Amino acid sequence: MKCGKILMIVNPRAGKMTFHNSFYAVIKTLSLAGYEVSVHFTSCPGDATDTVLLNAKNYDMILACGGDGTLNEVLTGVMRAERPLRLGYIPCGSTNDFAATLGIPQKPQEAVGQILQEQFIQMDLGSFNERFFTYTASFGAFTATSYETSQNLKNALGHLAYVLNGAKQLVNMKRIPMRIEAKEHTEEGVYLYGGVTNTTTIGGVYSLPEEEVELNDGKFEVMMVRYPKTVPEYTSTVLNLAVRNYNDPNILFFHTDHVVFESTEAVPFTLDGEFGGDQTRCEIHCLHNAYTINGTRER
């Protein structure tokens, strides 16, 4: 019995290459379940997005096999194609933060099991100027860590690679002047870090309590860390961030569906672990229930 057509987009460089051992088993499982599966291996940045745009009309589901960056590219293609396609995700990256938040298993065959069992959830999506992000748009301390860490180091060490590369930045953390404007809060100051997220874990930098994060409530979480004036103040702020104590005077935390960042200088942003460009102004909207993806967690 034919269930539909799946375009499987694979990033061959993502993660620790463990997916290669399961590749044919995944295709066999889907085929035996009645799906017609086509496979495309990405060759360069942007290839996944272009492939989806060219082929969206011919498929019922797009299955992304790679890391969070691969998922971002695939989802960007789906959104630009303006066709309500289901999205499948088999996490094969170095850290797979977003997959963990969604409750997607790390083992490929178990992730496929979610798809076959019709375990799908609707998700909010972030728009960032002319681009999209699934779980994080951020600037400042540690945010360049992901895209500045070599793929080989990511594959070999996973989360440790991010920690090692992030630690090197501690001695030279930049002061970032920024104005933040939302209906819930507006202020202007100097910051160490800023992030707009829809996840419980942000690249090993910090995590949010599950009760604070709803993945499809039409709102994102905003975390701003003001630049500490002294070393003891810095230490205290980092510790409070680690233990989720947001009463620290240098920590600003709130929920919103729309926020604007403006700076007098170009600030590099990160979108889902990839470089999001140098921005002097960016406008972020939460697109409520924008897409459907396999997963089990909606809070």
Protein backbone atom coordinates (compact mmCIF):
# COMPACT_ATOMS: atom_id res chain seq x y z
CA MET A 1 0.00 0.00 0.00
CA LYS A 2 1.54 3.28 -1.10
CA CYS A 3 1.66 5.89 1.69
CA GLY A 4 3.23 8.77 -0.21
CA LYS A 5 6.49 10.12 -1.58
CA ILE A 6 9.39 11.17 0.65
CA LEU A 7 12.37 13.28 -0.39
CA MET A 8 15.21 12.36 1.95
CA ILE A 9 17.86 15.09 2.17
CA VAL A 10 21.12 13.91 3.71
CA ASN A 11 24.07 16.04 4.83
CA PRO A 12 26.99 13.58 4.43
CA ARG A 13 29.29 15.75 6.56
CA ALA A 14 27.02 16.09 9.56
CA GLY A 15 27.83 14.56 12.92
CA LYS A 16 29.86 11.49 13.69
CA MET A 17 28.91 9.67 10.48
CA THR A 18 26.99 7.04 12.51
CA PHE A 19 23.95 7.56 10.29
CA HIS A 20 25.82 5.99 7.40
CA ASN A 21 25.52 2.63 9.17
CA SER A 22 21.73 3.03 9.34
CA PHE A 23 21.18 4.68 5.97
CA TYR A 24 19.95 1.68 4.00
CA ALA A 25 18.01 0.31 6.96
CA VAL A 26 16.08 3.59 7.19
CA ILE A 27 15.23 3.52 3.47
CA LYS A 28 14.20 -0.14 3.71
CA THR A 29 11.94 0.55 6.71
CA LEU A 30 10.20 3.42 4.95
CA SER A 31 9.87 1.47 1.69
CA LEU A 32 8.36 -1.57 3.42
CA ALA A 33 5.88 0.76 5.10
CA GLY A 34 4.69 1.84 1.65
CA TYR A 35 6.64 5.05 1.06
CA GLU A 36 8.41 5.86 -2.19
CA VAL A 37 11.78 7.29 -1.12
CA SER A 38 14.14 9.50 -3.13
CA VAL A 39 17.52 10.56 -1.73
CA HIS A 40 19.55 13.73 -2.23
CA PHE A 41 23.01 14.27 -0.70
CA THR A 42 23.85 17.92 -0.07
CA SER A 43 27.07 19.26 -1.57
CA CYS A 44 27.34 22.84 -0.29
CA PRO A 45 25.64 25.39 1.99
CA GLY A 46 22.18 26.28 0.71
CA ASP A 47 21.87 23.09 -1.34
CA ALA A 48 19.15 21.64 0.90
CA THR A 49 17.02 24.78 0.56
CA ASP A 50 17.41 24.87 -3.22
CA THR A 51 16.61 21.17 -3.52
CA VAL A 52 13.38 21.54 -1.55
CA LEU A 53 12.31 24.55 -3.62
CA LEU A 54 12.88 22.64 -6.87
CA ASN A 55 11.11 19.47 -5.76
CA ALA A 56 8.50 20.40 -3.14
CA LYS A 57 5.55 19.98 -5.51
CA ASN A 58 6.50 16.36 -6.19
CA TYR A 59 6.58 15.07 -2.60
CA ASP A 60 4.36 14.59 0.44
CA MET A 61 7.13 14.79 3.04
CA ILE A 62 10.68 16.10 3.28
CA LEU A 63 12.97 14.07 5.56
CA ALA A 64 16.02 15.98 6.84
CA CYS A 65 19.00 13.84 7.88
CA GLY A 66 21.75 15.95 9.46
CA GLY A 67 22.26 18.48 12.21
CA ASP A 68 20.29 21.52 13.28
CA GLY A 69 21.77 23.53 10.41
CA THR A 70 20.54 20.99 7.86
CA LEU A 71 17.07 21.10 9.40
CA ASN A 72 17.12 24.89 9.15
CA GLU A 73 17.95 24.76 5.44
CA VAL A 74 15.27 22.17 4.70
CA LEU A 75 12.63 24.07 6.64
CA THR A 76 13.59 27.31 4.89
CA GLY A 77 12.92 25.57 1.58
CA VAL A 78 9.58 24.27 2.81
CA MET A 79 8.49 27.73 3.97
CA ARG A 80 9.56 29.43 0.74
CA ALA A 81 7.83 26.77 -1.33
CA GLU A 82 4.59 27.75 0.41
CA ARG A 83 3.35 24.16 0.33
CA PRO A 84 2.07 22.48 3.52
CA LEU A 85 4.55 19.60 3.56
CA ARG A 86 5.15 17.43 6.58
CA LEU A 87 8.72 17.56 7.81
CA GLY A 88 10.61 14.55 9.14
CA TYR A 89 13.87 14.84 11.05
CA ILE A 90 16.53 12.22 11.73
CA PRO A 91 19.15 13.99 13.89
CA CYS A 92 22.71 13.18 12.81
CA GLY A 93 24.57 16.31 13.94
CA SER A 94 27.18 16.89 16.62
CA THR A 95 24.85 18.11 19.36
CA ASN A 96 21.24 17.95 18.07
CA ASP A 97 19.90 20.43 20.63
CA PHE A 98 16.58 20.94 18.90
CA ALA A 99 15.94 17.23 18.40
CA ALA A 100 16.37 16.71 22.14
CA THR A 101 13.83 19.45 22.82
CA LEU A 102 11.34 17.87 20.40
CA GLY A 103 11.76 14.43 21.92
CA ILE A 104 13.16 12.93 18.72
CA PRO A 105 15.29 9.81 19.43
CA GLN A 106 18.99 9.92 18.59
CA LYS A 107 18.86 6.47 16.99
CA PRO A 108 17.78 6.76 13.32
CA GLN A 109 15.49 3.74 13.34
CA GLU A 110 13.67 5.02 16.42
CA ALA A 111 13.26 8.45 14.81
CA VAL A 112 11.76 6.75 11.75
CA GLY A 113 9.46 4.88 14.12
CA GLN A 114 7.95 8.22 15.17
CA ILE A 115 7.12 8.97 11.54
CA LEU A 116 5.54 5.56 10.94
CA GLN A 117 3.51 5.88 14.15
CA GLU A 118 2.23 9.29 13.05
CA GLN A 119 3.85 11.06 16.00
CA PHE A 120 3.84 14.62 14.68
CA ILE A 121 3.51 17.98 16.40
CA GLN A 122 2.88 21.50 15.16
CA MET A 123 5.66 23.97 15.83
CA ASP A 124 6.24 27.70 15.96
CA LEU A 125 8.92 29.11 13.66
CA GLY A 126 11.02 32.25 13.89
CA SER A 127 11.35 34.78 11.09
CA PHE A 128 14.56 36.82 11.22
CA ASN A 129 14.45 39.62 8.65
CA GLU A 130 14.29 37.57 5.42
CA ARG A 131 15.41 34.30 6.99
CA PHE A 132 14.00 31.65 9.34
CA PHE A 133 15.17 29.85 12.47
CA THR A 134 13.76 26.83 14.28
CA TYR A 135 15.08 27.26 17.80
CA THR A 136 17.58 30.09 18.30
CA ALA A 137 18.66 33.50 17.02
CA SER A 138 21.43 34.93 19.17
CA PHE A 139 24.45 37.21 19.41
CA GLY A 140 27.39 37.73 21.72
CA ALA A 141 29.34 35.37 23.97
CA PHE A 142 29.66 31.77 22.69
CA THR A 143 27.22 32.25 19.79
CA ALA A 144 29.99 32.20 17.19
CA THR A 145 31.30 28.97 18.70
CA SER A 146 29.22 26.63 16.55
CA TYR A 147 30.01 28.01 13.10
CA GLU A 148 33.64 28.85 13.96
CA THR A 149 34.38 25.31 15.17
CA SER A 150 35.66 23.05 12.38
CA GLN A 151 33.39 20.22 11.24
CA ASN A 152 36.09 17.64 12.01
CA LEU A 153 36.36 18.89 15.58
CA LYS A 154 32.57 18.89 15.96
CA ASN A 155 32.38 15.33 14.67
CA ALA A 156 35.16 14.08 16.94
CA LEU A 157 34.20 15.78 20.18
CA GLY A 158 30.54 16.76 19.95
CA HIS A 159 29.54 19.13 22.77
CA LEU A 160 33.14 19.21 24.05
CA ALA A 161 34.21 20.95 20.84
CA TYR A 162 31.81 23.79 21.53
CA VAL A 163 32.98 24.09 25.12
CA LEU A 164 36.66 24.13 24.13
CA ASN A 165 36.15 26.75 21.45
CA GLY A 166 33.89 28.81 23.71
CA ALA A 167 36.42 28.82 26.52
CA LYS A 168 38.94 30.55 24.25
CA GLN A 169 36.52 33.46 23.88
CA LEU A 170 36.36 34.17 27.61
CA VAL A 171 39.49 36.32 27.56
CA ASN A 172 38.14 38.58 24.83
CA MET A 173 34.40 38.93 25.27
CA LYS A 174 33.06 41.93 23.42
CA ARG A 175 30.77 44.64 24.77
CA ILE A 176 27.77 44.85 22.47
CA PRO A 177 25.67 48.04 22.44
CA MET A 178 22.07 47.17 21.63
CA ARG A 179 18.55 48.51 21.83
CA ILE A 180 15.86 45.90 22.36
CA GLU A 181 12.22 46.73 21.73
CA ALA A 182 9.19 44.55 22.45
CA LYS A 183 5.74 45.29 23.79
CA GLU A 184 6.70 43.44 26.99
CA HIS A 185 9.97 45.31 27.56
CA THR A 186 12.15 47.98 25.95
CA GLU A 187 15.64 49.03 26.98
CA GLU A 188 19.02 50.11 25.64
CA GLY A 189 22.35 49.03 27.06
CA VAL A 190 25.57 47.07 26.68
CA TYR A 191 25.29 43.30 26.58
CA LEU A 192 27.39 40.16 26.81
CA TYR A 193 24.78 37.93 25.18
CA GLY A 194 21.29 38.05 23.70
CA GLY A 195 19.11 35.21 22.50
CA VAL A 196 15.60 34.59 21.20
CA THR A 197 14.80 30.90 21.55
CA ASN A 198 12.19 28.16 21.25
CA THR A 199 14.02 25.33 22.99
CA THR A 200 15.06 24.19 26.45
CA THR A 201 18.77 23.79 25.63
CA ILE A 202 20.90 26.39 23.89
CA GLY A 203 24.17 24.91 22.62
CA GLY A 204 25.47 24.03 26.07
CA VAL A 205 25.56 27.74 26.98
CA TYR A 206 22.49 27.56 29.20
CA SER A 207 19.20 25.71 29.56
CA LEU A 208 15.68 26.80 30.44
CA PRO A 209 13.20 25.07 32.77
CA GLU A 210 10.69 23.00 30.79
CA GLU A 211 7.80 24.81 32.44
CA GLU A 212 9.06 28.09 30.92
CA VAL A 213 9.07 26.79 27.34
CA GLU A 214 6.05 25.91 25.21
CA LEU A 215 7.05 25.06 21.68
CA ASN A 216 3.82 26.11 20.00
CA ASP A 217 2.33 28.83 22.20
CA GLY A 218 2.94 31.65 19.73
CA LYS A 219 5.75 33.13 21.83
CA PHE A 220 9.52 32.87 22.10
CA GLU A 221 11.78 33.21 25.12
CA VAL A 222 14.16 36.19 25.22
CA MET A 223 17.33 36.04 27.33
CA MET A 224 19.58 39.10 27.60
CA VAL A 225 22.76 39.17 29.69
CA ARG A 226 23.93 42.70 30.46
CA TYR A 227 27.70 43.22 30.45
CA PRO A 228 29.01 42.77 34.03
CA LYS A 229 31.07 45.64 35.44
CA THR A 230 33.46 43.54 37.54
CA VAL A 231 34.91 40.03 37.54
CA PRO A 232 32.99 39.00 40.69
CA GLU A 233 29.81 40.32 39.09
CA TYR A 234 30.55 38.33 35.95
CA THR A 235 31.13 35.16 38.01
CA SER A 236 27.89 35.67 39.91
CA THR A 237 25.90 36.23 36.71
CA VAL A 238 27.30 33.13 35.01
CA LEU A 239 26.53 31.01 38.07
CA ASN A 240 22.98 32.36 38.28
CA LEU A 241 22.49 31.62 34.59
CA ALA A 242 23.73 28.07 35.15
CA VAL A 243 21.30 27.43 38.04
CA ARG A 244 18.42 29.23 36.27
CA ASN A 245 18.19 32.08 38.76
CA TYR A 246 16.96 34.95 36.61
CA ASN A 247 16.68 37.44 39.48
CA ASP A 248 20.27 38.51 38.78
CA PRO A 249 20.44 42.26 37.97
CA ASN A 250 22.38 41.45 34.78
CA ILE A 251 19.83 38.95 33.46
CA LEU A 252 16.69 39.93 31.56
CA PHE A 253 14.21 37.18 30.69
CA PHE A 254 10.74 37.43 29.16
CA HIS A 255 8.37 35.92 26.55
CA THR A 256 7.27 37.68 23.35
CA ASP A 257 6.00 37.10 19.81
CA HIS A 258 7.83 40.07 18.28
CA VAL A 259 11.11 41.79 19.12
CA VAL A 260 13.42 44.24 17.36
CA PHE A 261 17.18 44.58 17.94
CA GLU A 262 19.05 47.70 16.83
CA SER A 263 22.74 48.55 17.19
CA THR A 264 25.04 51.36 16.09
CA GLU A 265 27.50 48.74 14.86
CA ALA A 266 27.11 45.54 12.85
CA VAL A 267 26.64 42.59 15.20
CA PRO A 268 27.15 38.97 14.05
CA PHE A 269 24.13 36.78 14.75
CA THR A 270 23.80 33.01 14.87
CA LEU A 271 20.72 31.20 13.53
CA ASP A 272 20.37 27.57 14.60
CA GLY A 273 24.13 27.26 15.03
CA GLU A 274 24.99 28.80 11.65
CA PHE A 275 26.18 32.31 10.79
CA GLY A 276 23.19 34.63 10.44
CA GLY A 277 25.03 37.66 9.07
CA ASP A 278 26.26 40.95 10.54
CA GLN A 279 23.20 42.99 11.49
CA THR A 280 22.57 46.56 12.62
CA ARG A 281 18.83 45.89 12.80
CA CYS A 282 16.88 42.68 12.94
CA GLU A 283 13.19 42.07 13.44
CA ILE A 284 12.05 38.75 14.82
CA HIS A 285 8.51 37.39 14.63
CA CYS A 286 7.08 34.16 16.03
CA LEU A 287 5.09 32.39 13.30
CA HIS A 288 2.55 30.36 15.26
CA ASN A 289 2.06 26.68 14.27
CA ALA A 290 4.04 27.29 11.08
CA TYR A 291 5.06 23.68 10.36
CA THR A 292 4.55 20.03 11.31
CA ILE A 293 7.42 17.76 12.35
CA ASN A 294 7.89 14.39 14.02
CA GLY A 295 8.26 14.63 17.79
CA THR A 296 6.55 14.01 21.11
CA ARG A 297 7.04 17.17 23.14
CA GLU A 298 4.83 20.23 22.77
CA ARG A 299 5.84 21.93 26.01
